[in-house]
N, C-alpha and C. Protein backbone atom coordinates (compact mmCIF):
# COMPACT_ATOMS: atom_id res chain seq x y z
N MET A 1 0.82 -1.22 0.00
CA MET A 1 0.00 0.00 0.00
C MET A 1 0.86 1.26 0.00
N LEU A 2 1.87 1.28 0.84
CA LEU A 2 2.74 2.44 0.93
C LEU A 2 3.54 2.66 -0.35
N ASN A 3 3.91 1.58 -1.01
CA ASN A 3 4.68 1.70 -2.24
C ASN A 3 3.83 2.37 -3.33
N GLY A 4 2.53 2.05 -3.42
CA GLY A 4 1.66 2.68 -4.39
C GLY A 4 1.45 4.17 -4.11
N ILE A 5 1.37 4.54 -2.84
CA ILE A 5 1.21 5.92 -2.47
C ILE A 5 2.48 6.71 -2.82
N LEU A 6 3.63 6.10 -2.57
CA LEU A 6 4.90 6.76 -2.89
C LEU A 6 5.03 6.98 -4.39
N GLU A 7 4.68 6.00 -5.17
CA GLU A 7 4.72 6.15 -6.63
C GLU A 7 3.79 7.24 -7.11
N SER A 8 2.57 7.27 -6.55
CA SER A 8 1.62 8.31 -6.94
C SER A 8 2.14 9.69 -6.54
N ALA A 9 2.71 9.80 -5.36
CA ALA A 9 3.24 11.09 -4.91
C ALA A 9 4.35 11.56 -5.84
N ILE A 10 5.21 10.67 -6.28
CA ILE A 10 6.30 11.04 -7.17
C ILE A 10 5.75 11.49 -8.52
N ILE A 11 4.81 10.73 -9.06
CA ILE A 11 4.25 11.06 -10.36
C ILE A 11 3.49 12.38 -10.31
N TYR A 12 2.61 12.54 -9.28
CA TYR A 12 1.84 13.78 -9.18
C TYR A 12 2.74 14.97 -8.87
N GLY A 13 3.78 14.75 -8.10
CA GLY A 13 4.74 15.82 -7.82
C GLY A 13 5.43 16.28 -9.09
N PHE A 14 5.87 15.30 -9.91
CA PHE A 14 6.50 15.64 -11.17
C PHE A 14 5.54 16.39 -12.08
N LEU A 15 4.30 15.92 -12.15
CA LEU A 15 3.29 16.60 -12.95
C LEU A 15 3.10 18.05 -12.51
N THR A 16 3.06 18.26 -11.21
CA THR A 16 2.85 19.60 -10.68
C THR A 16 4.05 20.51 -10.96
N ILE A 17 5.24 20.03 -10.72
CA ILE A 17 6.44 20.83 -10.94
C ILE A 17 6.64 21.13 -12.43
N PHE A 18 6.47 20.11 -13.26
CA PHE A 18 6.65 20.32 -14.72
C PHE A 18 5.60 21.29 -15.26
N SER A 19 4.35 21.14 -14.86
CA SER A 19 3.31 22.04 -15.34
C SER A 19 3.54 23.47 -14.84
N PHE A 20 4.04 23.60 -13.62
CA PHE A 20 4.35 24.94 -13.09
C PHE A 20 5.45 25.59 -13.95
N GLY A 21 6.49 24.83 -14.26
CA GLY A 21 7.57 25.37 -15.10
C GLY A 21 7.07 25.77 -16.47
N MET A 22 6.25 24.92 -17.07
CA MET A 22 5.72 25.22 -18.42
C MET A 22 4.79 26.44 -18.36
N TRP A 23 4.04 26.56 -17.27
CA TRP A 23 3.13 27.73 -17.11
C TRP A 23 3.93 29.00 -17.00
N VAL A 24 5.02 29.00 -16.21
CA VAL A 24 5.87 30.19 -16.07
C VAL A 24 6.48 30.56 -17.42
N ILE A 25 6.99 29.56 -18.12
CA ILE A 25 7.56 29.82 -19.46
C ILE A 25 6.53 30.41 -20.40
N SER A 26 5.31 29.88 -20.36
CA SER A 26 4.29 30.38 -21.27
C SER A 26 3.83 31.79 -20.90
N ILE A 27 3.91 32.15 -19.61
CA ILE A 27 3.62 33.54 -19.21
C ILE A 27 4.63 34.49 -19.82
N PHE A 28 5.92 34.16 -19.71
CA PHE A 28 6.95 35.00 -20.31
C PHE A 28 6.80 35.07 -21.84
N SER A 29 6.46 33.95 -22.43
CA SER A 29 6.28 33.91 -23.87
C SER A 29 5.13 34.80 -24.31
N TYR A 30 4.02 34.74 -23.55
CA TYR A 30 2.87 35.58 -23.90
C TYR A 30 3.19 37.06 -23.71
N GLN A 31 3.88 37.39 -22.65
CA GLN A 31 4.23 38.78 -22.41
C GLN A 31 5.12 39.34 -23.53
N LYS A 32 5.95 38.48 -24.08
CA LYS A 32 6.86 38.91 -25.13
C LYS A 32 6.15 39.05 -26.47
N SER A 33 5.28 38.09 -26.79
CA SER A 33 4.67 38.07 -28.13
C SER A 33 3.26 38.60 -28.19
N ARG A 34 2.49 38.53 -27.10
CA ARG A 34 1.08 38.92 -27.08
C ARG A 34 0.25 38.12 -28.10
N ASN A 35 0.68 36.90 -28.35
CA ASN A 35 -0.03 36.00 -29.25
C ASN A 35 -1.16 35.33 -28.50
N LYS A 36 -2.37 35.41 -29.03
CA LYS A 36 -3.55 34.84 -28.37
C LYS A 36 -3.47 33.33 -28.25
N LYS A 37 -2.80 32.67 -29.18
CA LYS A 37 -2.65 31.21 -29.09
C LYS A 37 -1.88 30.85 -27.83
N ILE A 38 -0.85 31.61 -27.52
CA ILE A 38 -0.04 31.31 -26.34
C ILE A 38 -0.86 31.57 -25.07
N LEU A 39 -1.78 32.50 -25.13
CA LEU A 39 -2.65 32.74 -23.97
C LEU A 39 -3.49 31.48 -23.68
N PHE A 40 -4.04 30.85 -24.70
CA PHE A 40 -4.82 29.64 -24.49
C PHE A 40 -3.93 28.51 -23.95
N VAL A 41 -2.72 28.40 -24.46
CA VAL A 41 -1.80 27.38 -23.98
C VAL A 41 -1.41 27.67 -22.54
N ASN A 42 -1.28 28.95 -22.20
CA ASN A 42 -0.99 29.38 -20.84
C ASN A 42 -2.10 28.86 -19.90
N ILE A 43 -3.32 29.02 -20.30
CA ILE A 43 -4.46 28.57 -19.47
C ILE A 43 -4.44 27.04 -19.35
N VAL A 44 -4.05 26.36 -20.40
CA VAL A 44 -3.95 24.89 -20.38
C VAL A 44 -2.92 24.47 -19.32
N PHE A 45 -1.76 25.10 -19.30
CA PHE A 45 -0.74 24.74 -18.32
C PHE A 45 -1.21 25.07 -16.90
N LEU A 46 -1.96 26.16 -16.77
CA LEU A 46 -2.53 26.52 -15.45
C LEU A 46 -3.50 25.43 -14.99
N LEU A 47 -4.33 24.94 -15.89
CA LEU A 47 -5.26 23.86 -15.52
C LEU A 47 -4.51 22.58 -15.14
N PHE A 48 -3.43 22.27 -15.91
CA PHE A 48 -2.61 21.13 -15.53
C PHE A 48 -1.99 21.33 -14.17
N LEU A 49 -1.57 22.55 -13.85
CA LEU A 49 -0.99 22.83 -12.54
C LEU A 49 -2.04 22.62 -11.46
N LEU A 50 -3.23 23.14 -11.64
CA LEU A 50 -4.29 22.99 -10.65
C LEU A 50 -4.64 21.51 -10.46
N LYS A 51 -4.71 20.80 -11.55
CA LYS A 51 -5.01 19.37 -11.47
C LYS A 51 -3.89 18.63 -10.69
N GLY A 52 -2.65 18.97 -10.96
CA GLY A 52 -1.54 18.36 -10.25
C GLY A 52 -1.55 18.65 -8.76
N VAL A 53 -1.89 19.90 -8.42
CA VAL A 53 -1.96 20.31 -6.99
C VAL A 53 -3.09 19.51 -6.31
N LEU A 54 -4.24 19.44 -6.96
CA LEU A 54 -5.34 18.70 -6.36
C LEU A 54 -5.01 17.21 -6.20
N LEU A 55 -4.41 16.63 -7.20
CA LEU A 55 -4.01 15.22 -7.11
C LEU A 55 -2.98 15.02 -5.99
N SER A 56 -2.01 15.90 -5.90
CA SER A 56 -0.98 15.79 -4.88
C SER A 56 -1.60 15.94 -3.47
N LEU A 57 -2.47 16.91 -3.31
CA LEU A 57 -3.11 17.12 -2.01
C LEU A 57 -4.00 15.95 -1.63
N SER A 58 -4.63 15.33 -2.62
CA SER A 58 -5.54 14.22 -2.29
C SER A 58 -4.81 13.02 -1.74
N ILE A 59 -3.51 12.89 -1.99
CA ILE A 59 -2.74 11.80 -1.40
C ILE A 59 -2.58 11.99 0.10
N PHE A 60 -2.35 13.24 0.51
CA PHE A 60 -2.02 13.52 1.90
C PHE A 60 -3.23 13.92 2.73
N LEU A 61 -4.26 14.49 2.11
CA LEU A 61 -5.45 14.94 2.82
C LEU A 61 -6.60 14.01 2.45
N THR A 62 -6.90 13.09 3.34
CA THR A 62 -7.95 12.12 3.03
C THR A 62 -9.32 12.73 2.92
N ASP A 63 -9.56 13.85 3.61
CA ASP A 63 -10.86 14.53 3.53
C ASP A 63 -11.10 15.07 2.13
N LEU A 64 -10.06 15.43 1.47
CA LEU A 64 -10.15 15.98 0.12
C LEU A 64 -10.58 14.91 -0.90
N GLN A 65 -10.25 13.66 -0.61
CA GLN A 65 -10.58 12.58 -1.53
C GLN A 65 -12.07 12.43 -1.74
N GLU A 66 -12.86 12.79 -0.74
CA GLU A 66 -14.32 12.70 -0.88
C GLU A 66 -14.83 13.73 -1.88
N PHE A 67 -14.19 14.91 -1.91
CA PHE A 67 -14.60 15.99 -2.81
C PHE A 67 -14.17 15.71 -4.24
N LEU A 68 -12.99 15.17 -4.40
CA LEU A 68 -12.42 14.92 -5.73
C LEU A 68 -12.99 13.63 -6.28
N SER A 69 -13.28 13.65 -7.55
CA SER A 69 -13.80 12.45 -8.19
C SER A 69 -13.24 12.37 -9.60
N ILE A 70 -13.46 11.22 -10.21
CA ILE A 70 -13.02 11.04 -11.58
C ILE A 70 -13.76 12.01 -12.50
N SER A 71 -15.00 12.30 -12.19
CA SER A 71 -15.78 13.25 -13.00
C SER A 71 -15.15 14.63 -12.99
N LEU A 72 -14.68 15.06 -11.83
CA LEU A 72 -14.04 16.39 -11.74
C LEU A 72 -12.81 16.46 -12.59
N PHE A 73 -11.99 15.43 -12.56
CA PHE A 73 -10.78 15.41 -13.35
C PHE A 73 -11.09 15.23 -14.84
N ALA A 74 -12.21 14.59 -15.15
CA ALA A 74 -12.64 14.49 -16.55
C ALA A 74 -13.02 15.88 -17.07
N VAL A 75 -13.64 16.68 -16.22
CA VAL A 75 -13.98 18.07 -16.64
C VAL A 75 -12.71 18.86 -16.88
N PHE A 76 -11.69 18.70 -16.02
CA PHE A 76 -10.41 19.35 -16.26
C PHE A 76 -9.84 18.93 -17.62
N ASP A 77 -9.87 17.62 -17.88
CA ASP A 77 -9.33 17.12 -19.16
C ASP A 77 -10.10 17.66 -20.36
N LEU A 78 -11.43 17.74 -20.23
CA LEU A 78 -12.23 18.30 -21.34
C LEU A 78 -11.90 19.77 -21.58
N LEU A 79 -11.75 20.53 -20.50
CA LEU A 79 -11.36 21.94 -20.65
C LEU A 79 -9.99 22.07 -21.29
N ILE A 80 -9.07 21.22 -20.90
CA ILE A 80 -7.72 21.26 -21.46
C ILE A 80 -7.76 20.96 -22.97
N LEU A 81 -8.50 19.92 -23.33
CA LEU A 81 -8.61 19.55 -24.74
C LEU A 81 -9.29 20.65 -25.55
N PHE A 82 -10.34 21.24 -25.00
CA PHE A 82 -11.05 22.31 -25.70
C PHE A 82 -10.12 23.51 -25.92
N LEU A 83 -9.38 23.89 -24.89
CA LEU A 83 -8.49 25.07 -25.03
C LEU A 83 -7.36 24.79 -25.99
N LEU A 84 -6.86 23.56 -26.01
CA LEU A 84 -5.82 23.22 -27.02
C LEU A 84 -6.41 23.26 -28.44
N PHE A 85 -7.64 22.81 -28.58
CA PHE A 85 -8.32 22.88 -29.86
C PHE A 85 -8.48 24.31 -30.31
N VAL A 86 -8.90 25.19 -29.40
CA VAL A 86 -9.05 26.60 -29.75
C VAL A 86 -7.70 27.22 -30.10
N ALA A 87 -6.67 26.86 -29.37
CA ALA A 87 -5.30 27.40 -29.66
C ALA A 87 -4.84 26.98 -31.04
N VAL A 88 -5.16 25.78 -31.44
CA VAL A 88 -4.74 25.31 -32.78
C VAL A 88 -5.51 26.03 -33.88
N LEU A 89 -6.77 26.25 -33.68
CA LEU A 89 -7.61 26.86 -34.72
C LEU A 89 -7.61 28.39 -34.71
N LYS A 90 -7.14 28.98 -33.64
CA LYS A 90 -7.17 30.45 -33.51
C LYS A 90 -6.21 31.07 -34.51
N LYS A 91 -6.72 32.07 -35.19
CA LYS A 91 -5.83 32.85 -36.09
C LYS A 91 -5.15 33.92 -35.26
N GLN A 92 -3.96 34.28 -35.70
CA GLN A 92 -3.21 35.30 -34.99
C GLN A 92 -3.83 36.62 -35.22
């Protein structure tokens, strides 16, 4: 049981740190270019960051596990996919 929790913590921690780094990079990129496509990608990385934080917290805070569900994370994934779709189709 502990081994599975440790693996989840490592994976969710990496997801959170990586998405935070990508989000910061996309903020600087948007400030430099003012490209609307990068703004949508920026929001995508922010959603990944929020998802990673929620997943990481759910490992350590058992009360939070009742609030979080697969449906909530599916909504996050749908928003992420929609924003990536908009970023691809958006004209500059």
